[in-house]
Amino acid sequence: MFRLLVRRPGLLPAALGLAWVARRRAWYRRPPFLPLPPAGYLKWRLDTAFGAEGRNVSPDALARYLLWARRMRGGA
């Protein structure tokens, strides 16, 4: 993800928006005190979006997902 955002910095707002929407409830009460999504959600999301568990997701597919997620949240 980091490499994708370095190569395509225009995706940063979409990535930050998705991270904020998918953050763990009460993230500020438990270490590491970062608004990260729950691991179970990430696993489910990757399995449902890309199929086989543990499959490597291409940067292009990740970019398309970030842009799709932003559109679904009502962003441009």
C-alpha atoms as a PDB file:
ATOM      1  CA  MET A   1       0.000   0.000   0.000  1.00  0.00           C
ATOM      2  CA  PHE A   2       2.792   2.403   0.932  1.00  0.00           C
ATOM      3  CA  ARG A   3       4.544   1.861  -2.396  1.00  0.00           C
ATOM      4  CA  LEU A   4       1.322   2.494  -4.267  1.00  0.00           C
ATOM      5  CA  LEU A   5       0.749   5.766  -2.427  1.00  0.00           C
ATOM      6  CA  VAL A   6       4.311   6.902  -3.105  1.00  0.00           C
ATOM      7  CA  ARG A   7       3.896   6.180  -6.818  1.00  0.00           C
ATOM      8  CA  ARG A   8       0.358   7.617  -6.965  1.00  0.00           C
ATOM      9  CA  PRO A   9       0.016  10.322  -4.279  1.00  0.00           C
ATOM     10  CA  GLY A  10      -3.383  11.308  -5.678  1.00  0.00           C
ATOM     11  CA  LEU A  11      -4.772   8.161  -4.023  1.00  0.00           C
ATOM     12  CA  LEU A  12      -3.788   9.371  -0.544  1.00  0.00           C
ATOM     13  CA  PRO A  13      -7.124  11.114   0.187  1.00  0.00           C
ATOM     14  CA  ALA A  14      -9.008   7.959  -0.857  1.00  0.00           C
ATOM     15  CA  ALA A  15      -6.768   5.764   1.327  1.00  0.00           C
ATOM     16  CA  LEU A  16      -7.090   8.053   4.350  1.00  0.00           C
ATOM     17  CA  GLY A  17     -10.847   8.290   3.919  1.00  0.00           C
ATOM     18  CA  LEU A  18     -11.176   4.517   3.754  1.00  0.00           C
ATOM     19  CA  ALA A  19      -8.928   4.064   6.788  1.00  0.00           C
ATOM     20  CA  TRP A  20     -11.039   6.515   8.774  1.00  0.00           C
ATOM     21  CA  VAL A  21     -14.359   4.932   7.787  1.00  0.00           C
ATOM     22  CA  ALA A  22     -13.118   1.390   8.497  1.00  0.00           C
ATOM     23  CA  ARG A  23     -11.348   2.234  11.775  1.00  0.00           C
ATOM     24  CA  ARG A  24     -11.816   0.111  14.863  1.00  0.00           C
ATOM     25  CA  ARG A  25     -14.334   1.383  17.421  1.00  0.00           C
ATOM     26  CA  ALA A  26     -12.703   3.097  20.384  1.00  0.00           C
ATOM     27  CA  TRP A  27      -9.318   2.885  18.620  1.00  0.00           C
ATOM     28  CA  TYR A  28      -7.979   5.578  20.940  1.00  0.00           C
ATOM     29  CA  ARG A  29      -8.358   3.326  23.998  1.00  0.00           C
ATOM     30  CA  ARG A  30      -6.113   0.429  22.917  1.00  0.00           C
ATOM     31  CA  PRO A  31      -2.547   0.262  21.658  1.00  0.00           C
ATOM     32  CA  PRO A  32      -1.266   1.063  19.088  1.00  0.00           C
ATOM     33  CA  PHE A  33      -3.681   4.052  19.389  1.00  0.00           C
ATOM     34  CA  LEU A  34      -4.081   4.338  15.627  1.00  0.00           C
ATOM     35  CA  PRO A  35      -7.367   4.429  13.702  1.00  0.00           C
ATOM     36  CA  LEU A  36      -6.757   1.095  11.958  1.00  0.00           C
ATOM     37  CA  PRO A  37      -9.447  -1.299  10.738  1.00  0.00           C
ATOM     38  CA  PRO A  38      -9.902  -4.570  12.632  1.00  0.00           C
ATOM     39  CA  ALA A  39      -7.828  -7.466  11.281  1.00  0.00           C
ATOM     40  CA  GLY A  40     -10.974  -9.565  10.792  1.00  0.00           C
ATOM     41  CA  TYR A  41     -12.495  -6.897   8.584  1.00  0.00           C
ATOM     42  CA  LEU A  42      -9.365  -6.669   6.439  1.00  0.00           C
ATOM     43  CA  LYS A  43      -9.260 -10.440   6.003  1.00  0.00           C
ATOM     44  CA  TRP A  44     -12.948 -10.557   5.066  1.00  0.00           C
ATOM     45  CA  ARG A  45     -12.618  -7.614   2.692  1.00  0.00           C
ATOM     46  CA  LEU A  46      -9.634  -9.135   0.884  1.00  0.00           C
ATOM     47  CA  ASP A  47     -11.301 -12.558   0.678  1.00  0.00           C
ATOM     48  CA  THR A  48     -14.535 -11.160  -0.732  1.00  0.00           C
ATOM     49  CA  ALA A  49     -12.886  -8.699  -3.104  1.00  0.00           C
ATOM     50  CA  PHE A  50     -10.000 -10.747  -4.462  1.00  0.00           C
ATOM     51  CA  GLY A  51     -10.843 -14.384  -3.827  1.00  0.00           C
ATOM     52  CA  ALA A  52      -8.258 -16.798  -2.486  1.00  0.00           C
ATOM     53  CA  GLU A  53      -7.012 -16.201   1.026  1.00  0.00           C
ATOM     54  CA  GLY A  54      -3.468 -14.867   1.148  1.00  0.00           C
ATOM     55  CA  ARG A  55      -3.458 -13.900  -2.502  1.00  0.00           C
ATOM     56  CA  ASN A  56      -1.239 -10.959  -3.421  1.00  0.00           C
ATOM     57  CA  VAL A  57      -3.272  -7.998  -4.586  1.00  0.00           C
ATOM     58  CA  SER A  58      -1.870  -6.073  -7.540  1.00  0.00           C
ATOM     59  CA  PRO A  59      -1.274  -2.346  -7.106  1.00  0.00           C
ATOM     60  CA  ASP A  60      -3.732  -1.631  -9.930  1.00  0.00           C
ATOM     61  CA  ALA A  61      -6.460  -3.660  -8.208  1.00  0.00           C
ATOM     62  CA  LEU A  62      -5.794  -1.861  -4.930  1.00  0.00           C
ATOM     63  CA  ALA A  63      -5.951   1.526  -6.676  1.00  0.00           C
ATOM     64  CA  ARG A  64      -9.261   0.583  -8.309  1.00  0.00           C
ATOM     65  CA  TYR A  65     -10.627  -0.519  -4.921  1.00  0.00           C
ATOM     66  CA  LEU A  66      -9.587   2.745  -3.239  1.00  0.00           C
ATOM     67  CA  LEU A  67     -11.259   4.794  -5.961  1.00  0.00           C
ATOM     68  CA  TRP A  68     -14.391   2.606  -5.852  1.00  0.00           C
ATOM     69  CA  ALA A  69     -14.611   2.911  -2.065  1.00  0.00           C
ATOM     70  CA  ARG A  70     -14.316   6.708  -2.305  1.00  0.00           C
ATOM     71  CA  ARG A  71     -17.110   6.841  -4.886  1.00  0.00           C
ATOM     72  CA  MET A  72     -19.328   4.629  -2.708  1.00  0.00           C
ATOM     73  CA  ARG A  73     -18.793   6.993   0.229  1.00  0.00           C
ATOM     74  CA  GLY A  74     -19.965   9.876  -1.960  1.00  0.00           C
ATOM     75  CA  GLY A  75     -16.555  11.311  -2.831  1.00  0.00           C
ATOM     76  CA  ALA A  76     -15.614  12.458  -6.293  1.00  0.00           C
END
